[in-house]
């Protein structure tokens, strides 16, 4: 989910390179009109391709920090909170679980206990918001690659769609980013169980992406052939959202 307020700073224009300004202008709500909009979208896709195919490294790890560097007041946000003033809660019924499916050989349904029993990683890293602010926190969870190995994606699978119970928030990832060793399904924050304001019971986390790509309140992880859209991406935000 995006971090508070979808404004864009000068830092974003500089970070995302020469191709990115057009897509970021669209993210501010201006699509350029019927003549310019298709060009803006094409440049945004080119920027994503460069980021995914050329700049992304599966071996480059984000810097880790000592726990003493943690930010005291890590901002919290959700679409539901923005609309109602309260954080979302899982739907009532059979209890929360993560549905993993799509183009896989072994679809599965994982409860919180099952997820916590899988191999875990923990790191203290810097979070980057598209607005320009940063914060440091410790996240613990299971690598997305571990779950992928369990369900065995088919050769057709090229992307992952992440869905949530936060007012139907969703977004999509390329497989290379999702399989990065620091991309995890996080269930703990600063050595404690994840709280609702930070995406409980389970959220996506990775220090190689901007905050709006890190879906909270997860309900499903689906392998797809076609590139999924997303809550903010469909409104013009860069699809790759990499750091």
Protein backbone atom coordinates (compact mmCIF):
# COMPACT_ATOMS: atom_id res chain seq x y z
CA UNK A 1 0.00 0.00 0.00
CA UNK A 2 1.12 3.47 -0.60
CA UNK A 3 2.50 5.57 2.19
CA UNK A 4 0.55 8.55 3.43
CA UNK A 5 -0.52 10.97 0.69
CA UNK A 6 0.31 10.15 -2.93
CA UNK A 7 2.36 13.31 -3.49
CA UNK A 8 5.65 13.09 -5.37
CA UNK A 9 8.91 14.79 -4.51
CA UNK A 10 11.78 16.04 -6.60
CA UNK A 11 13.81 13.12 -5.20
CA UNK A 12 11.56 10.68 -7.06
CA UNK A 13 12.18 12.37 -10.38
CA UNK A 14 15.93 12.21 -9.81
CA UNK A 15 15.98 8.63 -8.51
CA UNK A 16 13.96 7.06 -11.29
CA UNK A 17 16.02 8.51 -14.14
CA UNK A 18 15.35 10.27 -17.41
CA UNK A 19 12.50 8.02 -18.52
CA UNK A 20 10.62 8.20 -15.23
CA UNK A 21 9.45 11.85 -15.09
CA UNK A 22 6.67 11.17 -17.59
CA UNK A 23 5.26 8.31 -15.56
CA UNK A 24 5.60 10.28 -12.34
CA UNK A 25 3.79 13.25 -13.86
CA UNK A 26 0.97 10.81 -14.58
CA UNK A 27 1.16 9.68 -10.96
CA UNK A 28 0.39 13.23 -9.89
CA UNK A 29 -2.94 12.94 -11.65
CA UNK A 30 -2.12 14.55 -15.01
CA UNK A 31 -2.31 12.14 -17.93
CA UNK A 32 -1.31 14.61 -20.62
CA UNK A 33 -4.60 14.42 -22.47
CA UNK A 34 -5.62 12.07 -25.27
CA UNK A 35 -2.56 12.86 -27.40
CA UNK A 36 0.15 12.63 -24.76
CA UNK A 37 -1.24 9.93 -22.43
CA UNK A 38 -0.31 6.95 -24.67
CA UNK A 39 3.24 8.26 -24.89
CA UNK A 40 3.47 8.70 -21.13
CA UNK A 41 2.28 5.12 -20.63
CA UNK A 42 4.77 3.82 -23.18
CA UNK A 43 7.66 5.66 -21.51
CA UNK A 44 6.56 4.32 -18.12
CA UNK A 45 6.62 0.75 -19.47
CA UNK A 46 10.08 1.36 -20.96
CA UNK A 47 11.27 2.61 -17.58
CA UNK A 48 9.89 -0.55 -15.94
CA UNK A 49 11.60 -2.75 -18.53
CA UNK A 50 14.97 -1.06 -17.94
CA UNK A 51 14.56 -1.44 -14.19
CA UNK A 52 13.53 -5.11 -14.38
CA UNK A 53 15.86 -6.34 -17.13
CA UNK A 54 18.95 -4.18 -16.69
CA UNK A 55 19.14 -2.56 -13.25
CA UNK A 56 17.64 -5.27 -11.00
CA UNK A 57 20.22 -7.63 -9.51
CA UNK A 58 19.18 -10.80 -7.72
CA UNK A 59 22.47 -10.79 -5.83
CA UNK A 60 22.55 -7.14 -4.73
CA UNK A 61 21.25 -6.83 -1.19
CA UNK A 62 19.88 -3.71 0.43
CA UNK A 63 21.98 -2.33 3.27
CA UNK A 64 21.14 -3.59 6.75
CA UNK A 65 21.30 -1.44 9.89
CA UNK A 66 21.81 -2.07 13.61
CA UNK A 67 18.60 -2.28 15.64
CA UNK A 68 19.67 0.91 17.40
CA UNK A 69 18.97 2.74 14.13
CA UNK A 70 15.24 1.90 14.18
CA UNK A 71 12.88 4.81 13.63
CA UNK A 72 10.91 5.54 16.78
CA UNK A 73 7.63 6.39 15.05
CA UNK A 74 7.22 4.37 11.85
CA UNK A 75 4.30 5.87 9.86
CA UNK A 76 1.23 3.67 9.39
CA UNK A 77 -1.33 3.90 6.60
CA UNK A 78 -4.00 1.94 4.75
CA UNK A 79 -6.67 2.71 2.17
CA UNK A 80 -9.38 1.71 4.66
CA UNK A 81 -7.89 3.97 7.33
CA UNK A 82 -7.80 6.86 4.90
CA UNK A 83 -11.52 6.36 4.18
CA UNK A 84 -12.87 5.44 7.61
CA UNK A 85 -10.29 6.36 10.23
CA UNK A 86 -9.90 2.69 11.26
CA UNK A 87 -7.59 -0.06 10.12
CA UNK A 88 -9.09 -3.07 8.29
CA UNK A 89 -9.69 -6.45 9.91
CA UNK A 90 -9.84 -9.87 8.25
CA UNK A 91 -13.28 -11.00 7.09
CA UNK A 92 -15.20 -13.12 9.60
CA UNK A 93 -15.65 -16.80 8.80
CA UNK A 94 -13.23 -19.69 8.62
CA UNK A 95 -10.30 -17.61 9.83
CA UNK A 96 -7.55 -15.88 7.91
CA UNK A 97 -5.28 -17.80 5.54
CA UNK A 98 -3.14 -16.95 2.53
CA UNK A 99 -4.37 -18.48 -0.72
CA UNK A 100 -1.50 -19.27 -3.12
CA UNK A 101 -2.48 -20.30 -6.62
CA UNK A 102 -2.77 -19.35 -10.26
CA UNK A 103 -0.26 -20.89 -12.66
CA UNK A 104 1.15 -23.40 -10.17
CA UNK A 105 1.22 -27.20 -9.90
CA UNK A 106 0.48 -27.34 -6.16
CA UNK A 107 -1.92 -24.58 -5.06
CA UNK A 108 -2.13 -24.25 -1.30
CA UNK A 109 -3.77 -22.43 1.59
CA UNK A 110 -1.40 -21.33 4.34
CA UNK A 111 -2.49 -20.40 7.86
CA UNK A 112 -0.43 -18.05 10.01
CA UNK A 113 0.95 -21.01 12.00
CA UNK A 114 1.98 -22.81 8.80
CA UNK A 115 3.74 -19.70 7.51
CA UNK A 116 5.62 -19.16 10.77
CA UNK A 117 6.85 -22.78 10.63
CA UNK A 118 8.64 -22.15 7.31
CA UNK A 119 12.27 -20.96 7.01
CA UNK A 120 12.49 -17.34 8.06
CA UNK A 121 14.71 -14.32 7.56
CA UNK A 122 14.99 -11.17 9.64
CA UNK A 123 16.61 -7.89 8.71
CA UNK A 124 16.74 -4.25 9.78
CA UNK A 125 16.47 -2.07 6.69
CA UNK A 126 15.43 1.35 5.45
CA UNK A 127 11.90 1.84 4.10
CA UNK A 128 11.50 4.29 1.21
CA UNK A 129 8.22 6.13 0.62
CA UNK A 130 7.42 7.61 -2.78
CA UNK A 131 6.92 10.96 -1.01
CA UNK A 132 10.60 11.07 -0.08
CA UNK A 133 10.66 10.11 3.60
CA UNK A 134 12.47 7.05 4.96
CA UNK A 135 12.29 4.99 8.15
CA UNK A 136 14.27 2.07 9.58
CA UNK A 137 12.64 -1.05 11.06
CA UNK A 138 13.19 -4.76 11.56
CA UNK A 139 11.02 -7.21 9.60
CA UNK A 140 10.77 -10.97 9.97
CA UNK A 141 9.08 -13.43 7.64
CA UNK A 142 9.34 -16.20 5.09
CA UNK A 143 10.97 -15.49 1.71
CA UNK A 144 8.48 -15.44 -1.14
CA UNK A 145 10.86 -17.80 -2.95
CA UNK A 146 10.27 -20.46 -0.28
CA UNK A 147 6.51 -20.38 -0.89
CA UNK A 148 7.12 -20.41 -4.64
CA UNK A 149 9.17 -23.59 -4.28
CA UNK A 150 6.26 -25.17 -2.40
CA UNK A 151 3.65 -24.45 -5.06
CA UNK A 152 5.88 -25.00 -8.12
CA UNK A 153 4.99 -22.27 -10.65
CA UNK A 154 4.57 -23.44 -14.24
CA UNK A 155 6.80 -22.20 -17.07
CA UNK A 156 4.03 -19.79 -18.11
CA UNK A 157 4.13 -17.87 -14.82
CA UNK A 158 5.83 -14.51 -15.26
CA UNK A 159 4.26 -12.30 -12.58
CA UNK A 160 2.75 -12.35 -9.10
CA UNK A 161 -0.44 -10.59 -8.01
CA UNK A 162 -0.85 -9.75 -4.32
CA UNK A 163 -4.38 -9.15 -2.99
CA UNK A 164 -5.50 -7.80 0.37
CA UNK A 165 -8.57 -7.14 2.53
CA UNK A 166 -7.69 -3.43 2.64
CA UNK A 167 -10.53 -2.12 0.45
CA UNK A 168 -9.50 -4.57 -2.31
CA UNK A 169 -5.98 -3.12 -2.53
CA UNK A 170 -3.70 -5.12 -4.82
CA UNK A 171 -0.60 -4.84 -6.95
CA UNK A 172 1.64 -6.92 -9.19
CA UNK A 173 5.30 -7.87 -9.17
CA UNK A 174 7.72 -9.29 -11.69
CA UNK A 175 9.05 -12.71 -10.68
CA UNK A 176 12.67 -11.56 -10.49
CA UNK A 177 11.84 -8.98 -7.81
CA UNK A 178 9.55 -11.39 -5.97
CA UNK A 179 12.26 -14.07 -5.86
CA UNK A 180 14.88 -11.63 -4.52
CA UNK A 181 16.26 -13.04 -1.23
CA UNK A 182 15.07 -9.98 0.71
CA UNK A 183 11.47 -10.15 -0.54
CA UNK A 184 9.46 -11.72 2.27
CA UNK A 185 5.97 -12.33 3.62
CA UNK A 186 6.42 -10.54 6.91
CA UNK A 187 4.58 -11.45 10.13
CA UNK A 188 6.76 -9.61 12.66
CA UNK A 189 7.82 -5.99 13.07
CA UNK A 190 10.61 -4.92 15.43
CA UNK A 191 10.72 -8.38 17.03
CA UNK A 192 6.99 -8.45 17.82
CA UNK A 193 4.00 -9.90 15.98
CA UNK A 194 2.82 -7.62 13.21
CA UNK A 195 0.17 -5.13 14.36
CA UNK A 196 -2.87 -4.02 12.38
CA UNK A 197 -1.42 -0.60 11.60
CA UNK A 198 1.51 -2.29 9.88
CA UNK A 199 -0.43 -4.88 7.90
CA UNK A 200 -1.31 -7.83 10.18
CA UNK A 201 -1.65 -10.71 9.94
CA UNK A 202 0.72 -10.80 6.94
CA UNK A 203 2.25 -8.26 4.59
CA UNK A 204 4.66 -8.19 1.71
CA UNK A 205 8.00 -6.57 2.43
CA UNK A 206 11.18 -5.86 0.49
CA UNK A 207 13.77 -3.09 0.84
CA UNK A 208 14.24 -3.06 -2.95
CA UNK A 209 10.78 -1.52 -3.56
CA UNK A 210 8.99 1.72 -2.74
CA UNK A 211 6.35 1.57 -0.02
CA UNK A 212 3.27 1.44 -2.26
CA UNK A 213 4.47 -1.91 -3.69
CA UNK A 214 4.56 -3.56 -0.24
CA UNK A 215 0.99 -4.85 0.05
CA UNK A 216 -0.36 -5.16 3.59
CA UNK A 217 -3.23 -7.31 4.89
CA UNK A 218 -2.51 -10.09 2.42
CA UNK A 219 -5.19 -12.59 1.36
CA UNK A 220 -3.81 -14.10 -1.85
CA UNK A 221 -0.67 -14.56 -3.89
CA UNK A 222 -1.40 -15.53 -7.49
CA UNK A 223 1.05 -16.47 -10.24
CA UNK A 224 -0.02 -15.05 -13.60
CA UNK A 225 0.94 -14.95 -17.26
CA UNK A 226 -0.16 -11.36 -17.81
CA UNK A 227 1.17 -8.39 -15.86
CA UNK A 228 -1.30 -7.45 -13.09
CA UNK A 229 -2.27 -3.86 -12.46
CA UNK A 230 -2.55 -2.34 -9.02
CA UNK A 231 -4.38 0.20 -6.90
CA UNK A 232 -1.86 3.00 -7.43
CA UNK A 233 -0.31 1.63 -10.60
CA UNK A 234 -3.67 1.85 -12.38
CA UNK A 235 -3.70 5.54 -11.43
CA UNK A 236 -0.35 6.20 -13.06
CA UNK A 237 2.28 5.23 -10.48
CA UNK A 238 5.34 3.42 -11.91
CA UNK A 239 4.60 -0.29 -12.04
CA UNK A 240 8.06 -1.58 -11.04
CA UNK A 241 8.45 0.83 -8.11
CA UNK A 242 12.06 -0.17 -7.49
CA UNK A 243 14.67 1.58 -5.34
